[in-house]
PDB file of N, CA and C in Angstrom:
ATOM      1  N   MET A   1      -2.222   3.797  10.670  1.00  0.00           N
ATOM      2  CA  MET A   1      -1.336   3.626  11.794  1.00  0.00           C
ATOM      3  C   MET A   1       0.044   4.154  11.394  1.00  0.00           C
ATOM      4  N   VAL A   2       0.662   4.879  12.282  1.00  0.00           N
ATOM      5  CA  VAL A   2       2.018   5.398  12.059  1.00  0.00           C
ATOM      6  C   VAL A   2       2.903   4.927  13.211  1.00  0.00           C
ATOM      7  N   ARG A   3       4.048   4.359  12.854  1.00  0.00           N
ATOM      8  CA  ARG A   3       5.043   3.945  13.860  1.00  0.00           C
ATOM      9  C   ARG A   3       6.365   4.600  13.519  1.00  0.00           C
ATOM     10  N   GLU A   4       7.080   5.019  14.529  1.00  0.00           N
ATOM     11  CA  GLU A   4       8.441   5.534  14.351  1.00  0.00           C
ATOM     12  C   GLU A   4       9.344   4.798  15.325  1.00  0.00           C
ATOM     13  N   TYR A   5      10.519   4.421  14.840  1.00  0.00           N
ATOM     14  CA  TYR A   5      11.467   3.749  15.719  1.00  0.00           C
ATOM     15  C   TYR A   5      12.887   3.992  15.217  1.00  0.00           C
ATOM     16  N   ARG A   6      13.823   3.705  16.089  1.00  0.00           N
ATOM     17  CA  ARG A   6      15.230   3.874  15.765  1.00  0.00           C
ATOM     18  C   ARG A   6      15.819   2.506  15.453  1.00  0.00           C
ATOM     19  N   LEU A   7      16.565   2.416  14.337  1.00  0.00           N
ATOM     20  CA  LEU A   7      17.231   1.192  13.930  1.00  0.00           C
ATOM     21  C   LEU A   7      18.691   1.551  13.692  1.00  0.00           C
ATOM     22  N   ALA A   8      19.549   1.146  14.629  1.00  0.00           N
ATOM     23  CA  ALA A   8      20.961   1.562  14.630  1.00  0.00           C
ATOM     24  C   ALA A   8      21.001   3.089  14.653  1.00  0.00           C
ATOM     25  N   SER A   9      21.593   3.726  13.659  1.00  0.00           N
ATOM     26  CA  SER A   9      21.671   5.196  13.662  1.00  0.00           C
ATOM     27  C   SER A   9      20.568   5.833  12.805  1.00  0.00           C
ATOM     28  N   ASP A  10      19.606   5.033  12.345  1.00  0.00           N
ATOM     29  CA  ASP A  10      18.546   5.536  11.468  1.00  0.00           C
ATOM     30  C   ASP A  10      17.230   5.700  12.211  1.00  0.00           C
ATOM     31  N   TRP A  11      16.442   6.688  11.783  1.00  0.00           N
ATOM     32  CA  TRP A  11      15.063   6.843  12.228  1.00  0.00           C
ATOM     33  C   TRP A  11      14.171   6.313  11.122  1.00  0.00           C
ATOM     34  N   VAL A  12      13.266   5.425  11.481  1.00  0.00           N
ATOM     35  CA  VAL A  12      12.372   4.787  10.505  1.00  0.00           C
ATOM     36  C   VAL A  12      10.935   5.168  10.849  1.00  0.00           C
ATOM     37  N   ARG A  13      10.176   5.571   9.826  1.00  0.00           N
ATOM     38  CA  ARG A  13       8.757   5.869   9.991  1.00  0.00           C
ATOM     39  C   ARG A  13       7.988   4.946   9.050  1.00  0.00           C
ATOM     40  N   VAL A  14       7.016   4.223   9.605  1.00  0.00           N
ATOM     41  CA  VAL A  14       6.189   3.307   8.813  1.00  0.00           C
ATOM     42  C   VAL A  14       4.734   3.747   8.964  1.00  0.00           C
ATOM     43  N   THR A  15       4.091   3.997   7.817  1.00  0.00           N
ATOM     44  CA  THR A  15       2.685   4.369   7.794  1.00  0.00           C
ATOM     45  C   THR A  15       1.931   3.267   7.075  1.00  0.00           C
ATOM     46  N   GLN A  16       0.830   2.782   7.685  1.00  0.00           N
ATOM     47  CA  GLN A  16       0.027   1.729   7.080  1.00  0.00           C
ATOM     48  C   GLN A  16      -1.438   2.146   7.076  1.00  0.00           C
ATOM     49  N   PHE A  17      -2.139   1.827   5.975  1.00  0.00           N
ATOM     50  CA  PHE A  17      -3.574   2.089   5.920  1.00  0.00           C
ATOM     51  C   PHE A  17      -4.210   1.216   4.844  1.00  0.00           C
ATOM     52  N   GLU A  18      -5.545   1.138   4.872  1.00  0.00           N
ATOM     53  CA  GLU A  18      -6.304   0.392   3.876  1.00  0.00           C
ATOM     54  C   GLU A  18      -6.902   1.378   2.885  1.00  0.00           C
ATOM     55  N   ALA A  19      -7.016   0.931   1.627  1.00  0.00           N
ATOM     56  CA  ALA A  19      -7.565   1.791   0.581  1.00  0.00           C
ATOM     57  C   ALA A  19      -8.229   0.915  -0.483  1.00  0.00           C
ATOM     58  N   SER A  20      -8.803   1.549  -1.486  1.00  0.00           N
ATOM     59  CA  SER A  20      -9.363   0.842  -2.640  1.00  0.00           C
ATOM     60  C   SER A  20      -8.601   1.270  -3.881  1.00  0.00           C
ATOM     61  N   ALA A  21      -8.404   0.332  -4.800  1.00  0.00           N
ATOM     62  CA  ALA A  21      -7.676   0.618  -6.037  1.00  0.00           C
ATOM     63  C   ALA A  21      -8.509   0.123  -7.222  1.00  0.00           C
ATOM     64  N   LEU A  22      -8.442   0.854  -8.312  1.00  0.00           N
ATOM     65  CA  LEU A  22      -9.153   0.492  -9.528  1.00  0.00           C
ATOM     66  C   LEU A  22      -8.209  -0.285 -10.438  1.00  0.00           C
ATOM     67  N   THR A  23      -8.597  -1.503 -10.813  1.00  0.00           N
ATOM     68  CA  THR A  23      -7.745  -2.330 -11.668  1.00  0.00           C
ATOM     69  C   THR A  23      -7.851  -1.881 -13.117  1.00  0.00           C
ATOM     70  N   HIS A  24      -6.861  -2.274 -13.919  1.00  0.00           N
ATOM     71  CA  HIS A  24      -6.904  -2.031 -15.360  1.00  0.00           C
ATOM     72  C   HIS A  24      -7.758  -3.099 -16.013  1.00  0.00           C
ATOM     73  N   GLY A  25      -8.579  -2.714 -16.952  1.00  0.00           N
ATOM     74  CA  GLY A  25      -9.317  -3.692 -17.734  1.00  0.00           C
ATOM     75  C   GLY A  25      -8.477  -4.084 -18.938  1.00  0.00           C
ATOM     76  N   GLU A  26      -8.039  -5.322 -18.983  1.00  0.00           N
ATOM     77  CA  GLU A  26      -7.200  -5.810 -20.090  1.00  0.00           C
ATOM     78  C   GLU A  26      -8.090  -6.456 -21.150  1.00  0.00           C
ATOM     79  N   GLY A  27      -7.863  -6.159 -22.378  1.00  0.00           N
ATOM     80  CA  GLY A  27      -8.614  -6.776 -23.458  1.00  0.00           C
ATOM     81  C   GLY A  27      -9.919  -6.053 -23.752  1.00  0.00           C
ATOM     82  N   LEU A  28     -10.632  -6.552 -24.724  1.00  0.00           N
ATOM     83  CA  LEU A  28     -11.833  -5.899 -25.230  1.00  0.00           C
ATOM     84  C   LEU A  28     -12.996  -5.954 -24.240  1.00  0.00           C
ATOM     85  N   PHE A  29     -13.182  -7.079 -23.554  1.00  0.00           N
ATOM     86  CA  PHE A  29     -14.358  -7.244 -22.698  1.00  0.00           C
ATOM     87  C   PHE A  29     -14.050  -7.239 -21.205  1.00  0.00           C
ATOM     88  N   ALA A  30     -12.811  -7.049 -20.835  1.00  0.00           N
ATOM     89  CA  ALA A  30     -12.446  -7.042 -19.412  1.00  0.00           C
ATOM     90  C   ALA A  30     -12.817  -5.707 -18.791  1.00  0.00           C
ATOM     91  N   ALA A  31     -13.513  -5.761 -17.697  1.00  0.00           N
ATOM     92  CA  ALA A  31     -13.970  -4.547 -17.026  1.00  0.00           C
ATOM     93  C   ALA A  31     -13.028  -4.167 -15.885  1.00  0.00           C
ATOM     94  N   GLN A  32     -12.963  -2.891 -15.619  1.00  0.00           N
ATOM     95  CA  GLN A  32     -12.230  -2.443 -14.439  1.00  0.00           C
ATOM     96  C   GLN A  32     -13.058  -2.792 -13.207  1.00  0.00           C
ATOM     97  N   ARG A  33     -12.371  -2.972 -12.085  1.00  0.00           N
ATOM     98  CA  ARG A  33     -13.086  -3.229 -10.835  1.00  0.00           C
ATOM     99  C   ARG A  33     -12.292  -2.676  -9.667  1.00  0.00           C
ATOM    100  N   TRP A  34     -12.980  -2.433  -8.579  1.00  0.00           N
ATOM    101  CA  TRP A  34     -12.358  -1.931  -7.366  1.00  0.00           C
ATOM    102  C   TRP A  34     -11.949  -3.103  -6.492  1.00  0.00           C
ATOM    103  N   VAL A  35     -10.725  -3.046  -5.941  1.00  0.00           N
ATOM    104  CA  VAL A  35     -10.236  -4.061  -5.016  1.00  0.00           C
ATOM    105  C   VAL A  35      -9.694  -3.363  -3.767  1.00  0.00           C
ATOM    106  N   ASP A  36      -9.795  -4.051  -2.634  1.00  0.00           N
ATOM    107  CA  ASP A  36      -9.251  -3.516  -1.387  1.00  0.00           C
ATOM    108  C   ASP A  36      -7.762  -3.830  -1.314  1.00  0.00           C
ATOM    109  N   VAL A  37      -6.960  -2.860  -0.904  1.00  0.00           N
ATOM    110  CA  VAL A  37      -5.515  -3.033  -0.794  1.00  0.00           C
ATOM    111  C   VAL A  37      -5.020  -2.533   0.559  1.00  0.00           C
ATOM    112  N   LEU A  38      -3.889  -3.058   0.972  1.00  0.00           N
ATOM    113  CA  LEU A  38      -3.175  -2.576   2.146  1.00  0.00           C
ATOM    114  C   LEU A  38      -1.983  -1.777   1.644  1.00  0.00           C
ATOM    115  N   VAL A  39      -1.812  -0.574   2.142  1.00  0.00           N
ATOM    116  CA  VAL A  39      -0.737   0.310   1.714  1.00  0.00           C
ATOM    117  C   VAL A  39       0.244   0.476   2.870  1.00  0.00           C
ATOM    118  N   GLU A  40       1.535   0.316   2.579  1.00  0.00           N
ATOM    119  CA  GLU A  40       2.568   0.542   3.588  1.00  0.00           C
ATOM    120  C   GLU A  40       3.623   1.462   2.997  1.00  0.00           C
ATOM    121  N   CYS A  41       3.967   2.494   3.729  1.00  0.00           N
ATOM    122  CA  CYS A  41       4.981   3.452   3.320  1.00  0.00           C
ATOM    123  C   CYS A  41       6.081   3.432   4.382  1.00  0.00           C
ATOM    124  N   GLN A  42       7.307   3.099   3.967  1.00  0.00           N
ATOM    125  CA  GLN A  42       8.440   3.072   4.893  1.00  0.00           C
ATOM    126  C   GLN A  42       9.439   4.141   4.472  1.00  0.00           C
ATOM    127  N   GLN A  43       9.817   4.984   5.432  1.00  0.00           N
ATOM    128  CA  GLN A  43      10.724   6.089   5.146  1.00  0.00           C
ATOM    129  C   GLN A  43      11.838   6.097   6.190  1.00  0.00           C
ATOM    130  N   VAL A  44      13.083   6.130   5.710  1.00  0.00           N
ATOM    131  CA  VAL A  44      14.247   6.111   6.597  1.00  0.00           C
ATOM    132  C   VAL A  44      14.921   7.476   6.532  1.00  0.00           C
ATOM    133  N   ASN A  45      15.089   8.103   7.683  1.00  0.00           N
ATOM    134  CA  ASN A  45      15.778   9.394   7.811  1.00  0.00           C
ATOM    135  C   ASN A  45      15.210  10.479   6.880  1.00  0.00           C
ATOM    136  N   GLU A  46      13.888  10.509   6.754  1.00  0.00           N
ATOM    137  CA  GLU A  46      13.214  11.540   5.949  1.00  0.00           C
ATOM    138  C   GLU A  46      13.595  11.520   4.478  1.00  0.00           C
ATOM    139  N   LYS A  47      14.137  10.401   3.995  1.00  0.00           N
ATOM    140  CA  LYS A  47      14.496  10.282   2.580  1.00  0.00           C
ATOM    141  C   LYS A  47      13.313   9.744   1.789  1.00  0.00           C
ATOM    142  N   ARG A  48      13.540   9.443   0.537  1.00  0.00           N
ATOM    143  CA  ARG A  48      12.478   8.962  -0.350  1.00  0.00           C
ATOM    144  C   ARG A  48      11.812   7.714   0.236  1.00  0.00           C
ATOM    145  N   PRO A  49      10.484   7.702   0.329  1.00  0.00           N
ATOM    146  CA  PRO A  49       9.793   6.546   0.908  1.00  0.00           C
ATOM    147  C   PRO A  49       9.701   5.378  -0.067  1.00  0.00           C
ATOM    148  N   ILE A  50       9.560   4.198   0.510  1.00  0.00           N
ATOM    149  CA  ILE A  50       9.282   2.985  -0.258  1.00  0.00           C
ATOM    150  C   ILE A  50       7.829   2.621   0.029  1.00  0.00           C
ATOM    151  N   VAL A  51       7.017   2.555  -1.031  1.00  0.00           N
ATOM    152  CA  VAL A  51       5.587   2.291  -0.883  1.00  0.00           C
ATOM    153  C   VAL A  51       5.288   0.898  -1.422  1.00  0.00           C
ATOM    154  N   THR A  52       4.552   0.110  -0.625  1.00  0.00           N
ATOM    155  CA  THR A  52       4.167  -1.248  -0.997  1.00  0.00           C
ATOM    156  C   THR A  52       2.649  -1.356  -0.975  1.00  0.00           C
ATOM    157  N   LEU A  53       2.079  -1.921  -2.053  1.00  0.00           N
ATOM    158  CA  LEU A  53       0.643  -2.200  -2.122  1.00  0.00           C
ATOM    159  C   LEU A  53       0.453  -3.705  -2.122  1.00  0.00           C
ATOM    160  N   ARG A  54      -0.465  -4.179  -1.277  1.00  0.00           N
ATOM    161  CA  ARG A  54      -0.781  -5.608  -1.257  1.00  0.00           C
ATOM    162  C   ARG A  54      -2.291  -5.774  -1.363  1.00  0.00           C
ATOM    163  N   LEU A  55      -2.714  -6.721  -2.149  1.00  0.00           N
ATOM    164  CA  LEU A  55      -4.125  -7.039  -2.283  1.00  0.00           C
ATOM    165  C   LEU A  55      -4.626  -7.596  -0.962  1.00  0.00           C
ATOM    166  N   LYS A  56      -5.727  -7.064  -0.485  1.00  0.00           N
ATOM    167  CA  LYS A  56      -6.310  -7.543   0.768  1.00  0.00           C
ATOM    168  C   LYS A  56      -7.159  -8.769   0.448  1.00  0.00           C
ATOM    169  N   LEU A  57      -6.742  -9.915   0.901  1.00  0.00           N
ATOM    170  CA  LEU A  57      -7.415 -11.165   0.570  1.00  0.00           C
ATOM    171  C   LEU A  57      -8.638 -11.384   1.456  1.00  0.00           C
ATOM    172  N   GLY A  58      -9.556 -12.188   0.963  1.00  0.00           N
ATOM    173  CA  GLY A  58     -10.732 -12.518   1.749  1.00  0.00           C
ATOM    174  C   GLY A  58     -11.864 -11.532   1.630  1.00  0.00           C
ATOM    175  N   GLN A  59     -11.725 -10.528   0.771  1.00  0.00           N
ATOM    176  CA  GLN A  59     -12.751  -9.521   0.565  1.00  0.00           C
ATOM    177  C   GLN A  59     -13.260  -9.627  -0.873  1.00  0.00           C
ATOM    178  N   PRO A  60     -14.556  -9.659  -1.070  1.00  0.00           N
ATOM    179  CA  PRO A  60     -15.047  -9.693  -2.454  1.00  0.00           C
ATOM    180  C   PRO A  60     -14.784  -8.366  -3.158  1.00  0.00           C
ATOM    181  N   ALA A  61     -14.474  -8.434  -4.432  1.00  0.00           N
ATOM    182  CA  ALA A  61     -14.254  -7.213  -5.225  1.00  0.00           C
ATOM    183  C   ALA A  61     -15.576  -6.511  -5.442  1.00  0.00           C
ATOM    184  N   ARG A  62     -15.511  -5.182  -5.548  1.00  0.00           N
ATOM    185  CA  ARG A  62     -16.735  -4.405  -5.780  1.00  0.00           C
ATOM    186  C   ARG A  62     -16.868  -4.081  -7.232  1.00  0.00           C
TER     187      ARG A  62
END
């Protein structure tokens, strides 16, 4: 989903989507696993975006 709106004198673009991320395996016996995440990218006036990743809760890991 992409939204664009005006906030005072700024143009803001927010892009949101779902993805999968591979975790780091910490320690000798810890395995990597895939988890579902929500990705949000917020960009103001075409400048450098701010990207946020959040773990999608309620979904079993693969």
